N, C-alpha and C. Protein backbone atom coordinates (compact mmCIF):
# COMPACT_ATOMS: atom_id res chain seq x y z
N UNK A 1 0.87 -1.23 0.12
CA UNK A 1 0.22 0.07 -0.14
C UNK A 1 0.69 0.81 0.09
N UNK A 2 0.22 2.04 -0.53
CA UNK A 2 0.89 3.46 -1.20
C UNK A 2 0.71 4.60 0.21
N UNK A 3 1.66 4.49 1.36
CA UNK A 3 1.35 5.49 2.45
C UNK A 3 0.48 6.74 2.40
N UNK A 4 -0.56 6.95 2.77
CA UNK A 4 -1.52 8.23 3.12
C UNK A 4 -2.30 8.00 2.25
N UNK A 5 -2.52 7.52 0.71
CA UNK A 5 -3.63 7.21 -0.09
C UNK A 5 -4.60 6.14 0.36
N UNK A 6 -5.94 6.24 0.31
CA UNK A 6 -6.65 5.56 0.43
C UNK A 6 -6.80 4.07 0.01
N UNK A 7 -6.68 3.17 0.88
CA UNK A 7 -6.40 1.46 0.44
C UNK A 7 -7.45 1.45 -0.46
N UNK A 8 -8.56 1.92 -0.57
CA UNK A 8 -9.56 1.28 -1.51
C UNK A 8 -9.04 2.07 -3.07
N UNK A 9 -8.39 2.86 -2.91
CA UNK A 9 -8.31 2.79 -4.34
C UNK A 9 -7.73 1.70 -5.32
N UNK A 10 -7.66 1.32 -6.58
CA UNK A 10 -7.30 0.21 -7.16
C UNK A 10 -5.99 0.11 -7.18
N UNK A 11 -5.74 -1.45 -7.46
CA UNK A 11 -4.21 -1.53 -7.24
C UNK A 11 -3.07 -1.32 -8.39
N UNK A 12 -3.79 -1.04 -9.79
CA UNK A 12 -3.18 -0.56 -10.25
C UNK A 12 -2.94 0.59 -10.63
N UNK A 13 -3.76 1.53 -9.75
CA UNK A 13 -2.95 2.86 -9.34
C UNK A 13 -2.29 3.23 -8.44
N UNK A 14 -2.68 2.54 -7.41
CA UNK A 14 -1.49 2.15 -6.31
C UNK A 14 -0.06 2.32 -6.72
N UNK A 15 0.08 1.25 -7.50
CA UNK A 15 1.25 0.67 -8.14
C UNK A 15 1.75 2.21 -9.00
N UNK A 16 0.82 2.68 -9.65
CA UNK A 16 1.64 3.73 -10.27
C UNK A 16 1.67 4.85 -9.27
N UNK A 17 1.12 5.12 -8.71
CA UNK A 17 1.42 6.03 -7.36
C UNK A 17 2.83 5.81 -6.68
N UNK A 18 3.20 4.51 -6.68
CA UNK A 18 4.42 4.16 -6.10
C UNK A 18 5.77 4.14 -7.10
N UNK A 19 5.34 4.41 -7.97
CA UNK A 19 6.46 4.04 -9.44
C UNK A 19 6.60 5.52 -9.76
N UNK A 20 5.53 6.27 -9.94
CA UNK A 20 5.63 7.83 -10.58
C UNK A 20 5.07 8.66 -9.69
N UNK A 21 5.83 9.05 -8.59
CA UNK A 21 5.87 9.88 -6.99
C UNK A 21 6.11 11.06 -7.70
N UNK A 22 6.49 11.65 -8.75
CA UNK A 22 6.19 12.59 -9.32
C UNK A 22 5.31 13.14 -10.38
N UNK A 23 4.44 12.12 -10.66
CA UNK A 23 3.19 12.27 -11.30
C UNK A 23 3.96 12.23 -12.58
N UNK A 24 2.77 12.30 -13.72
CA UNK A 24 3.23 12.70 -15.01
C UNK A 24 2.74 13.69 -16.11
N UNK A 25 2.88 14.29 -17.30
CA UNK A 25 2.14 15.20 -17.29
C UNK A 25 2.15 15.00 -19.11
N UNK A 26 1.05 15.05 -20.20
CA UNK A 26 0.67 14.85 -21.38
C UNK A 26 0.47 15.97 -22.13
N UNK A 27 0.93 16.31 -23.33
CA UNK A 27 0.85 17.09 -24.76
C UNK A 27 1.36 18.45 -23.76
N UNK A 28 2.54 18.51 -23.61
CA UNK A 28 3.13 19.57 -23.06
C UNK A 28 2.77 20.50 -21.60
N UNK A 29 2.01 19.67 -21.10
CA UNK A 29 1.49 19.94 -19.34
C UNK A 29 0.10 20.23 -19.77
N UNK A 30 -0.40 19.90 -21.02
CA UNK A 30 -2.11 20.48 -20.78
C UNK A 30 -2.69 19.23 -20.51
N UNK A 31 -2.31 18.21 -19.99
CA UNK A 31 -2.85 16.91 -18.99
C UNK A 31 -1.80 16.56 -18.00
N UNK A 32 -2.23 16.63 -16.75
CA UNK A 32 -1.64 16.05 -15.63
C UNK A 32 -1.96 15.23 -14.88
N UNK A 33 -1.21 14.11 -14.55
CA UNK A 33 -1.65 13.40 -13.17
C UNK A 33 -0.91 13.78 -12.09
N UNK A 34 -1.59 13.83 -10.92
CA UNK A 34 -0.34 14.11 -9.86
C UNK A 34 0.19 13.42 -9.33
N UNK A 35 1.31 13.47 -8.80
CA UNK A 35 1.80 12.21 -7.92
C UNK A 35 1.97 12.55 -6.26
N UNK A 36 2.51 11.88 -5.64
CA UNK A 36 2.47 12.06 -4.06
C UNK A 36 3.59 13.24 -4.13
N UNK A 37 4.57 12.87 -4.72
CA UNK A 37 6.08 13.86 -4.66
C UNK A 37 6.08 14.97 -5.65
N UNK A 38 4.70 15.35 -6.42
CA UNK A 38 4.74 15.89 -7.51
C UNK A 38 5.56 17.26 -7.57
N UNK A 39 5.80 17.83 -8.44
CA UNK A 39 6.53 19.55 -8.50
C UNK A 39 5.63 20.25 -8.63
N UNK A 40 4.16 19.61 -8.73
CA UNK A 40 3.09 20.65 -8.47
C UNK A 40 3.26 21.59 -7.60
N UNK A 41 2.52 22.42 -7.18
CA UNK A 41 2.21 22.86 -5.93
C UNK A 41 1.79 21.93 -4.87
N UNK A 42 0.67 21.23 -5.97
CA UNK A 42 0.03 20.38 -4.92
C UNK A 42 0.32 18.91 -5.14
N UNK A 43 0.17 18.26 -4.55
CA UNK A 43 0.38 16.86 -4.51
C UNK A 43 -0.44 16.02 -4.73
N UNK A 44 -0.50 14.74 -4.87
CA UNK A 44 -1.68 14.06 -5.35
C UNK A 44 -2.62 14.00 -4.01
N UNK A 45 -2.25 14.34 -2.39
CA UNK A 45 -2.83 14.20 -1.40
C UNK A 45 -3.23 15.47 -1.03
N UNK A 46 -2.59 16.91 -1.58
CA UNK A 46 -2.91 17.93 -1.28
C UNK A 46 -4.11 18.18 -2.10
N UNK A 47 -3.92 17.69 -3.28
CA UNK A 47 -4.96 17.88 -4.36
C UNK A 47 -6.48 17.81 -4.03
N UNK A 48 -6.87 16.60 -3.07
CA UNK A 48 -7.87 16.21 -2.56
C UNK A 48 -8.41 16.90 -0.98
N UNK A 49 -7.71 17.85 -0.61
CA UNK A 49 -7.99 18.54 0.36
C UNK A 49 -8.90 18.97 0.20
N UNK A 50 -10.04 19.43 1.48
CA UNK A 50 -11.43 20.47 0.97
C UNK A 50 -10.78 21.58 0.56
N UNK A 51 -9.75 22.28 1.42
CA UNK A 51 -9.18 23.19 1.21
C UNK A 51 -8.19 24.29 0.15
N UNK A 52 -8.19 22.77 -0.75
CA UNK A 52 -7.38 23.13 -1.92
C UNK A 52 -8.51 23.56 -2.44
N UNK A 53 -9.27 23.35 -3.37
CA UNK A 53 -10.44 23.53 -4.22
C UNK A 53 -11.58 23.53 -3.90
N UNK A 54 -11.89 22.04 -3.25
CA UNK A 54 -13.11 21.49 -2.86
C UNK A 54 -14.34 22.46 -2.32
N UNK A 55 -13.68 23.21 -1.57
CA UNK A 55 -14.54 23.73 -0.90
C UNK A 55 -15.42 24.38 -1.80
N UNK A 56 -15.18 24.94 -3.27
CA UNK A 56 -16.05 25.50 -4.00
C UNK A 56 -16.85 25.02 -4.77
N UNK A 57 -16.85 23.53 -4.20
CA UNK A 57 -17.70 22.71 -5.25
C UNK A 57 -18.43 21.98 -4.28
N UNK A 58 -19.10 22.49 -2.98
CA UNK A 58 -19.88 21.35 -2.20
C UNK A 58 -20.97 20.56 -2.88
N UNK A 59 -21.01 20.45 -3.89
CA UNK A 59 -22.27 19.38 -4.66
C UNK A 59 -21.37 17.98 -4.86
N UNK A 60 -19.71 18.06 -4.74
CA UNK A 60 -19.11 16.98 -5.36
C UNK A 60 -19.81 15.87 -4.06
N UNK A 61 -19.52 14.86 -4.48
CA UNK A 61 -19.39 13.65 -3.30
C UNK A 61 -18.20 13.29 -2.68
N UNK A 62 -18.09 13.34 -1.23
CA UNK A 62 -16.90 13.30 -0.63
C UNK A 62 -16.04 12.00 -1.08
N UNK A 63 -16.98 11.13 -1.48
CA UNK A 63 -16.35 9.65 -2.07
C UNK A 63 -15.10 9.82 -3.33
N UNK A 64 -15.05 11.05 -3.98
CA UNK A 64 -14.40 11.31 -5.54
C UNK A 64 -12.94 11.14 -4.86
N UNK A 65 -11.87 10.59 -5.36
CA UNK A 65 -10.42 10.84 -5.18
C UNK A 65 -10.18 11.36 -6.76
N UNK A 66 -9.54 12.72 -6.89
CA UNK A 66 -9.06 13.40 -7.96
C UNK A 66 -7.54 12.69 -8.20
N UNK A 67 -7.12 12.09 -9.46
CA UNK A 67 -6.14 12.16 -9.98
C UNK A 67 -5.11 12.91 -10.52
N UNK A 68 -6.06 14.21 -11.33
CA UNK A 68 -5.35 15.13 -12.36
C UNK A 68 -6.45 15.39 -13.24
N UNK A 69 -5.60 15.64 -14.23
CA UNK A 69 -6.73 16.50 -14.80
C UNK A 69 -6.16 17.51 -16.20
N UNK A 70 -7.23 18.29 -16.88
CA UNK A 70 -6.61 19.07 -17.99
C UNK A 70 -6.40 20.25 -17.84
N UNK A 71 -5.62 21.31 -18.40
CA UNK A 71 -5.37 22.39 -18.15
C UNK A 71 -6.72 23.53 -18.01
N UNK A 72 -8.03 23.03 -18.33
CA UNK A 72 -9.05 23.97 -18.55
C UNK A 72 -9.48 23.30 -16.96
N UNK A 73 -9.28 22.34 -16.32
CA UNK A 73 -9.69 22.26 -15.11
C UNK A 73 -10.55 20.64 -15.11
N UNK A 74 -10.86 20.08 -16.50
CA UNK A 74 -11.56 18.90 -16.07
C UNK A 74 -10.81 17.95 -15.49
N UNK A 75 -11.44 17.07 -14.79
CA UNK A 75 -10.64 16.22 -13.86
C UNK A 75 -10.77 14.66 -14.10
N UNK A 76 -9.89 13.74 -13.47
CA UNK A 76 -10.06 12.37 -13.51
C UNK A 76 -9.97 12.00 -12.13
N UNK A 77 -10.99 10.97 -11.84
CA UNK A 77 -11.15 10.61 -10.90
C UNK A 77 -11.72 9.18 -10.11
N UNK A 78 -11.49 8.72 -8.98
CA UNK A 78 -11.89 7.15 -8.77
C UNK A 78 -13.23 7.62 -8.07
N UNK A 79 -14.59 7.11 -7.99
CA UNK A 79 -15.39 6.83 -6.76
C UNK A 79 -14.73 5.82 -5.73
N UNK A 80 -14.52 6.33 -4.38
CA UNK A 80 -14.42 5.40 -3.49
C UNK A 80 -15.42 4.48 -3.40
N UNK A 81 -16.37 4.89 -3.27
CA UNK A 81 -17.48 4.11 -2.98
C UNK A 81 -18.08 3.01 -4.22
N UNK A 82 -17.65 3.19 -5.06
CA UNK A 82 -18.11 2.32 -6.31
C UNK A 82 -17.07 2.62 -7.45
N UNK A 83 -16.37 1.56 -6.66
CA UNK A 83 -14.83 1.07 -7.75
C UNK A 83 -15.12 0.64 -8.83
N UNK A 84 -16.34 -0.20 -9.37
CA UNK A 84 -16.72 -0.94 -10.80
C UNK A 84 -17.13 0.55 -11.78
N UNK A 85 -17.07 1.95 -11.30
CA UNK A 85 -17.39 2.72 -12.33
C UNK A 85 -15.98 2.82 -13.01
N UNK A 86 -14.93 2.50 -12.40
CA UNK A 86 -13.42 2.81 -13.27
C UNK A 86 -13.12 4.34 -13.16
N UNK A 87 -12.06 4.85 -13.92
CA UNK A 87 -11.88 6.13 -14.33
C UNK A 87 -13.02 7.00 -14.35
N UNK A 88 -13.15 8.22 -13.66
CA UNK A 88 -14.14 8.92 -14.37
C UNK A 88 -13.74 10.10 -14.98
N UNK A 89 -14.13 11.06 -15.87
CA UNK A 89 -13.97 12.22 -16.32
C UNK A 89 -15.20 13.06 -15.87
N UNK A 90 -14.57 14.27 -15.49
CA UNK A 90 -15.54 15.00 -15.14
C UNK A 90 -15.16 16.95 -15.46
N UNK A 91 -16.08 17.32 -16.04
CA UNK A 91 -15.82 18.20 -17.09
C UNK A 91 -15.79 19.47 -16.14
N UNK A 92 -14.99 20.65 -16.73
CA UNK A 92 -14.39 21.53 -15.95
C UNK A 92 -15.84 22.22 -15.36
N UNK A 93 -16.64 22.68 -15.72
CA UNK A 93 -17.51 23.53 -15.54
C UNK A 93 -18.54 23.13 -14.90
N UNK A 94 -19.18 21.75 -14.65
CA UNK A 94 -20.44 21.28 -14.13
C UNK A 94 -20.19 20.31 -13.14
N UNK A 95 -18.80 19.68 -13.51
CA UNK A 95 -18.20 18.24 -13.17
C UNK A 95 -19.32 17.30 -13.01
N UNK A 96 -20.03 17.33 -14.32
CA UNK A 96 -20.73 15.81 -14.62
C UNK A 96 -19.80 15.06 -15.04
N UNK A 97 -20.12 13.53 -14.24
CA UNK A 97 -19.09 12.67 -13.96
C UNK A 97 -20.08 11.64 -15.03
N UNK A 98 -18.23 10.98 -15.85
CA UNK A 98 -19.04 9.95 -17.10
C UNK A 98 -18.01 9.50 -16.96
N UNK A 99 -18.10 7.90 -16.96
CA UNK A 99 -16.73 6.45 -16.95
C UNK A 99 -15.76 6.67 -18.23
N UNK A 100 -14.81 7.14 -18.54
CA UNK A 100 -13.86 7.48 -19.50
C UNK A 100 -13.03 5.86 -19.68
N UNK A 101 -12.82 4.76 -18.67
CA UNK A 101 -11.92 3.63 -18.95
C UNK A 101 -12.38 3.22 -17.59
N UNK A 102 -12.38 1.40 -18.14
CA UNK A 102 -12.80 0.82 -16.84
C UNK A 102 -11.93 0.43 -15.97
N UNK A 103 -10.63 0.60 -15.82
CA UNK A 103 -9.43 0.41 -15.44
C UNK A 103 -8.45 1.55 -15.20
N UNK A 104 -7.89 1.78 -14.40
CA UNK A 104 -6.77 2.99 -14.61
C UNK A 104 -5.70 2.59 -15.75
N UNK A 105 -5.19 1.01 -15.61
CA UNK A 105 -4.48 0.74 -16.91
C UNK A 105 -4.65 1.26 -17.88
N UNK A 106 -6.23 0.35 -18.13
CA UNK A 106 -6.76 1.42 -19.44
C UNK A 106 -6.98 2.58 -19.73
N UNK A 107 -7.09 3.31 -18.79
CA UNK A 107 -7.11 4.62 -19.16
C UNK A 107 -5.24 5.03 -19.59
N UNK A 108 -4.70 4.98 -18.72
CA UNK A 108 -3.25 5.25 -19.11
C UNK A 108 -3.09 4.77 -20.37
N UNK A 109 -3.16 3.53 -21.02
CA UNK A 109 -3.28 2.91 -22.50
C UNK A 109 -3.76 3.62 -23.46
N UNK A 110 -5.09 4.03 -22.91
CA UNK A 110 -6.20 4.52 -24.35
C UNK A 110 -6.11 5.98 -23.98
N UNK A 111 -7.00 6.57 -22.99
CA UNK A 111 -7.34 7.87 -23.11
C UNK A 111 -6.05 8.97 -22.98
N UNK A 112 -5.39 8.46 -21.96
CA UNK A 112 -4.03 9.30 -21.15
C UNK A 112 -3.05 9.41 -22.48
N UNK A 113 -2.89 8.03 -22.68
CA UNK A 113 -1.88 7.64 -23.87
C UNK A 113 -1.94 8.41 -25.39
N UNK A 114 -3.18 8.63 -25.50
CA UNK A 114 -3.89 9.15 -26.91
C UNK A 114 -3.61 10.41 -26.81
N UNK A 115 -3.90 11.41 -25.49
CA UNK A 115 -4.34 12.62 -25.76
C UNK A 115 -2.84 13.23 -25.08
N UNK A 116 -2.06 12.63 -24.73
CA UNK A 116 -0.62 13.17 -24.44
C UNK A 116 -0.05 13.48 -25.37
N UNK A 117 -0.43 12.52 -26.58
CA UNK A 117 0.57 12.96 -28.18
C UNK A 117 -0.35 13.88 -29.32
N UNK A 118 -1.54 13.33 -29.22
CA UNK A 118 -2.49 13.97 -30.17
C UNK A 118 -3.98 13.98 -29.64
N UNK A 119 -4.00 15.65 -28.53
CA UNK A 119 -5.31 15.94 -28.18
C UNK A 119 -6.22 15.64 -29.15
N UNK A 120 -7.58 15.72 -28.85
CA UNK A 120 -8.67 15.64 -29.66
C UNK A 120 -9.79 16.83 -29.51
N UNK A 121 -9.08 18.06 -28.48
CA UNK A 121 -9.71 18.93 -28.23
C UNK A 121 -8.99 19.85 -29.11
N UNK A 122 -9.53 20.54 -30.12
CA UNK A 122 -9.22 22.04 -30.81
C UNK A 122 -8.77 22.98 -29.53
N UNK A 123 -9.32 23.46 -28.80
CA UNK A 123 -8.76 24.51 -28.08
C UNK A 123 -7.63 24.37 -27.27
N UNK A 124 -7.01 22.67 -26.70
CA UNK A 124 -5.95 22.62 -26.38
C UNK A 124 -4.70 22.75 -27.81
N UNK A 125 -4.89 22.70 -28.57
CA UNK A 125 -4.42 22.86 -30.03
C UNK A 125 -4.05 24.52 -30.14
N UNK A 126 -5.25 25.28 -30.00
CA UNK A 126 -5.00 26.72 -30.35
C UNK A 126 -4.34 27.09 -29.01
N UNK A 127 -4.74 26.62 -27.69
CA UNK A 127 -4.04 27.33 -26.92
C UNK A 127 -2.55 27.09 -26.37
N UNK A 128 -2.11 25.89 -27.08
CA UNK A 128 -0.46 25.39 -26.94
C UNK A 128 0.11 26.57 -28.02
N UNK A 129 -0.24 26.77 -29.57
CA UNK A 129 0.06 27.65 -30.24
C UNK A 129 0.38 29.09 -29.78
N UNK A 130 -0.82 29.18 -28.86
CA UNK A 130 -0.48 30.85 -28.43
C UNK A 130 0.48 30.98 -26.97
N UNK A 131 0.37 30.03 -26.10
CA UNK A 131 0.71 30.11 -24.94
C UNK A 131 1.77 29.00 -24.98
N UNK A 132 2.42 28.22 -25.27
CA UNK A 132 3.35 27.08 -25.30
C UNK A 132 3.06 26.38 -24.29
N UNK A 133 4.25 25.62 -24.10
CA UNK A 133 4.44 24.68 -22.87
C UNK A 133 3.50 25.20 -21.67
N UNK A 134 3.00 24.38 -20.79
CA UNK A 134 2.48 24.51 -19.65
C UNK A 134 3.26 24.00 -18.42
N UNK A 135 3.60 24.93 -17.37
CA UNK A 135 4.15 24.37 -16.34
C UNK A 135 3.02 23.30 -15.17
N UNK A 136 3.47 22.76 -14.42
CA UNK A 136 2.44 21.74 -13.73
C UNK A 136 0.82 22.74 -12.64
N UNK A 137 1.80 23.89 -12.01
CA UNK A 137 0.76 24.91 -11.85
C UNK A 137 -0.11 25.55 -12.60
N UNK A 138 0.09 25.94 -14.22
CA UNK A 138 -0.49 26.51 -14.93
C UNK A 138 -1.88 26.38 -15.49
N UNK A 139 -2.58 26.90 -15.94
CA UNK A 139 -3.95 26.56 -16.33
C UNK A 139 -4.53 27.57 -17.34
N UNK A 140 -5.38 27.44 -17.91
CA UNK A 140 -6.19 28.38 -19.01
C UNK A 140 -7.68 28.76 -18.32
N UNK A 141 -7.73 29.78 -18.41
CA UNK A 141 -9.55 30.11 -17.84
C UNK A 141 -10.08 30.86 -18.85
N UNK A 142 -11.73 30.37 -19.11
CA UNK A 142 -12.72 30.95 -20.00
C UNK A 142 -12.61 32.44 -19.16
N UNK A 143 -12.69 33.39 -19.93
CA UNK A 143 -13.43 34.60 -19.45
C UNK A 143 -14.42 35.14 -20.57
N UNK A 144 -15.57 35.59 -20.46
CA UNK A 144 -16.32 35.20 -19.24
C UNK A 144 -16.16 33.76 -18.82
N UNK A 145 -16.64 33.16 -17.46
CA UNK A 145 -16.49 31.71 -17.27
C UNK A 145 -17.70 31.12 -18.55
N UNK A 146 -17.33 30.19 -18.85
CA UNK A 146 -18.31 29.49 -19.70
C UNK A 146 -19.79 29.21 -19.71
N UNK A 147 -20.29 28.92 -18.21
CA UNK A 147 -21.60 29.16 -18.13
C UNK A 147 -22.25 30.27 -18.23
N UNK A 148 -21.36 31.27 -18.44
CA UNK A 148 -22.20 32.92 -18.06
C UNK A 148 -22.14 33.23 -19.71
N UNK A 149 -21.40 32.60 -20.47
CA UNK A 149 -21.15 32.97 -22.08
C UNK A 149 -22.04 32.81 -22.74
N UNK A 150 -22.59 33.42 -23.51
CA UNK A 150 -23.04 32.74 -25.06
C UNK A 150 -22.81 31.50 -25.58
N UNK A 151 -21.39 31.64 -25.96
CA UNK A 151 -20.92 30.32 -26.49
C UNK A 151 -19.55 29.99 -26.17
N UNK A 152 -18.65 28.90 -26.52
CA UNK A 152 -17.06 28.78 -25.78
C UNK A 152 -16.40 30.46 -27.13
N UNK A 153 -16.93 30.33 -28.19
CA UNK A 153 -16.35 31.47 -29.12
C UNK A 153 -16.18 32.68 -28.24
N UNK A 154 -17.12 32.91 -27.37
CA UNK A 154 -17.30 34.42 -27.16
C UNK A 154 -16.18 34.64 -26.23
N UNK A 155 -15.78 33.33 -25.41
CA UNK A 155 -14.67 33.54 -24.10
C UNK A 155 -13.56 33.71 -24.74
N UNK A 156 -12.50 34.37 -23.66
CA UNK A 156 -11.38 35.03 -23.95
C UNK A 156 -10.45 33.84 -23.15
N UNK A 157 -9.24 33.28 -23.93
CA UNK A 157 -8.25 32.37 -23.37
C UNK A 157 -7.59 33.04 -22.32
N UNK A 158 -7.47 32.95 -20.96
CA UNK A 158 -6.61 33.79 -20.07
C UNK A 158 -5.54 32.94 -19.41
N UNK A 159 -4.20 33.03 -19.43
CA UNK A 159 -3.50 32.27 -18.48
C UNK A 159 -3.96 32.56 -16.75
N UNK A 160 -3.92 31.32 -16.38
CA UNK A 160 -4.05 31.48 -15.04
C UNK A 160 -3.45 30.38 -14.04
N UNK A 161 -4.05 29.89 -12.83
CA UNK A 161 -2.84 28.65 -12.45
C UNK A 161 -4.24 28.00 -11.80
N UNK A 162 -3.93 26.80 -11.52
CA UNK A 162 -5.01 25.63 -11.46
C UNK A 162 -6.21 25.83 -10.43
N UNK A 163 -5.49 26.05 -9.19
CA UNK A 163 -6.40 26.30 -8.16
C UNK A 163 -7.37 27.65 -8.40
N UNK A 164 -6.55 28.49 -8.98
CA UNK A 164 -7.90 29.33 -9.19
C UNK A 164 -8.63 29.19 -10.10
N UNK A 165 -8.61 28.46 -11.07
CA UNK A 165 -9.52 27.96 -12.20
C UNK A 165 -10.46 27.47 -11.51
N UNK A 166 -10.24 26.43 -10.62
CA UNK A 166 -10.90 25.16 -10.05
C UNK A 166 -11.62 26.50 -8.97
N UNK A 167 -11.45 26.70 -8.43
CA UNK A 167 -12.37 27.76 -7.89
C UNK A 167 -13.38 28.54 -8.50
N UNK A 168 -12.83 29.05 -9.46
CA UNK A 168 -13.90 30.13 -10.03
C UNK A 168 -14.79 29.56 -10.67
N UNK A 169 -14.35 28.22 -11.48
CA UNK A 169 -15.50 27.09 -12.00
C UNK A 169 -16.59 27.16 -10.95
N UNK A 170 -16.21 26.74 -10.15
CA UNK A 170 -16.81 26.20 -8.94
C UNK A 170 -17.85 27.14 -8.36
N UNK A 171 -17.19 28.02 -7.80
CA UNK A 171 -18.13 29.31 -7.37
C UNK A 171 -19.14 29.58 -8.45
N UNK A 172 -19.09 29.66 -9.72
CA UNK A 172 -19.80 30.19 -11.00
C UNK A 172 -20.66 28.76 -10.64
N UNK A 173 -20.66 27.44 -11.04
CA UNK A 173 -21.69 26.41 -11.28
C UNK A 173 -22.05 26.23 -9.64
N UNK A 174 -21.60 26.19 -8.69
CA UNK A 174 -22.53 26.16 -7.37
C UNK A 174 -23.47 27.38 -7.44
N UNK A 175 -23.40 28.60 -7.67
CA UNK A 175 -24.30 29.57 -7.27
C UNK A 175 -25.10 29.58 -8.44
N UNK A 176 -25.01 29.17 -9.76
CA UNK A 176 -25.87 29.14 -11.17
C UNK A 176 -26.90 27.72 -10.64
N UNK A 177 -26.78 27.18 -9.74
CA UNK A 177 -27.52 25.71 -9.49
C UNK A 177 -28.28 25.86 -8.43
N UNK A 178 -27.91 27.12 -7.62
CA UNK A 178 -28.93 27.74 -6.38
C UNK A 178 -29.99 29.09 -6.56
N UNK A 179 -29.93 29.35 -7.95
CA UNK A 179 -30.83 30.62 -8.25
C UNK A 179 -31.48 30.23 -8.80
N UNK A 180 -33.08 30.98 -8.11
CA UNK A 180 -34.47 30.99 -9.37
C UNK A 180 -34.09 31.04 -11.18
N UNK A 181 -34.34 29.90 -11.74
CA UNK A 181 -34.31 30.50 -13.30
C UNK A 181 -34.67 31.76 -13.98
N UNK A 182 -35.69 32.02 -13.06
CA UNK A 182 -35.81 33.53 -13.39
C UNK A 182 -34.85 35.06 -13.41
N UNK A 183 -34.18 34.48 -12.45
CA UNK A 183 -33.04 35.44 -12.01
C UNK A 183 -31.96 35.94 -13.59
N UNK A 184 -31.91 36.99 -13.46
CA UNK A 184 -30.99 37.51 -14.00
C UNK A 184 -29.68 38.03 -13.77
N UNK A 185 -28.56 37.37 -14.41
CA UNK A 185 -27.09 37.67 -14.10
C UNK A 185 -26.71 38.74 -14.34
N UNK A 186 -26.06 40.10 -13.76
CA UNK A 186 -25.84 41.05 -14.77
C UNK A 186 -24.16 41.31 -14.58
N UNK A 187 -23.61 40.32 -13.87
CA UNK A 187 -22.29 40.18 -14.23
C UNK A 187 -21.67 39.61 -12.95
N UNK A 188 -20.47 39.37 -12.60
CA UNK A 188 -19.64 39.02 -11.64
C UNK A 188 -18.34 40.00 -11.04
N UNK A 189 -18.50 39.42 -9.72
CA UNK A 189 -17.53 40.54 -8.99
C UNK A 189 -16.64 39.89 -8.02
N UNK A 190 -15.26 39.98 -7.67
CA UNK A 190 -14.45 38.87 -6.68
C UNK A 190 -14.42 40.05 -5.51
N UNK A 191 -13.99 38.95 -4.44
CA UNK A 191 -14.48 39.21 -3.04
C UNK A 191 -13.18 38.44 -2.26
N UNK A 192 -13.09 38.43 -1.22
CA UNK A 192 -12.09 37.77 -0.38
C UNK A 192 -12.99 37.27 0.78
N UNK A 193 -12.86 35.85 0.74
CA UNK A 193 -13.92 35.02 1.93
C UNK A 193 -13.16 35.14 3.34
N UNK A 194 -13.65 34.34 4.14
CA UNK A 194 -13.21 34.24 5.17
C UNK A 194 -12.15 33.90 5.88
N UNK A 195 -11.51 33.09 4.68
CA UNK A 195 -10.07 32.25 4.74
C UNK A 195 -8.87 33.09 3.72
N UNK A 196 -9.38 34.04 3.62
CA UNK A 196 -8.36 34.72 2.92
C UNK A 196 -8.15 34.77 1.22
N UNK A 197 -9.39 33.80 0.71
CA UNK A 197 -9.66 33.25 -0.61
C UNK A 197 -10.55 34.08 -1.78
N UNK A 198 -9.28 34.60 -2.59
CA UNK A 198 -10.12 34.98 -3.75
C UNK A 198 -11.26 34.49 -4.30
N UNK A 199 -12.67 35.09 -4.26
CA UNK A 199 -13.66 34.13 -4.79
C UNK A 199 -14.25 35.03 -5.41
N UNK A 200 -15.27 34.31 -6.42
CA UNK A 200 -16.27 34.52 -7.69
C UNK A 200 -17.67 35.05 -7.12
N UNK A 201 -18.17 36.04 -7.12
CA UNK A 201 -19.54 36.20 -6.49
C UNK A 201 -20.60 36.65 -7.86
N UNK A 202 -21.94 35.61 -8.46
CA UNK A 202 -22.66 36.31 -9.58
C UNK A 202 -23.20 37.46 -8.66
N UNK A 203 -23.64 38.50 -9.44
CA UNK A 203 -24.34 39.76 -9.30
C UNK A 203 -25.94 39.18 -10.05
N UNK A 204 -26.47 39.29 -9.06
CA UNK A 204 -27.90 38.94 -9.47
C UNK A 204 -29.21 39.79 -9.14
N UNK A 205 -30.09 40.13 -10.32
CA UNK A 205 -30.80 41.07 -10.03
C UNK A 205 -32.41 40.22 -10.64
């Protein structure tokens, strides 16, 4: 067993965590899987603490264990309460979960192995052409946040950091899910919460 990690994680992932303590990245850093000693500011364990970014997504089940994701904030995860679901993909903006591979071994060989070389997301190719390779902490934000935009084409690509993107996306998604359908959103503003974290608040009329 890999010290500190939940023992209910799949055996093939625990082997990976032992062998790849620093994690791995794909396609010039646009995809990453965290390790226990990752060069990212966030190790695999730190990435899963509530205070890192999950506090901005209160709707997420506590049974989800996140492995890494994309520069946009898409996440890969296991459901510790339902390991038969395999590796889950959760989109960056609403965290809707779907099984992307039946096992971690299959995920590495098929999904991650493929996108690490030739991403199918055209945005990744465009962002790489514009910004170049990304470091572990780097992320790409859509401004305005995609859930508040007319469409993706109306959003600007803005360099950011991964924790900030996760918090921003979570703040927007969680607030949108709790307001009446008739509410009109006139904009967004930033504020600092009681723990000194910069957050987003929707302006609703």
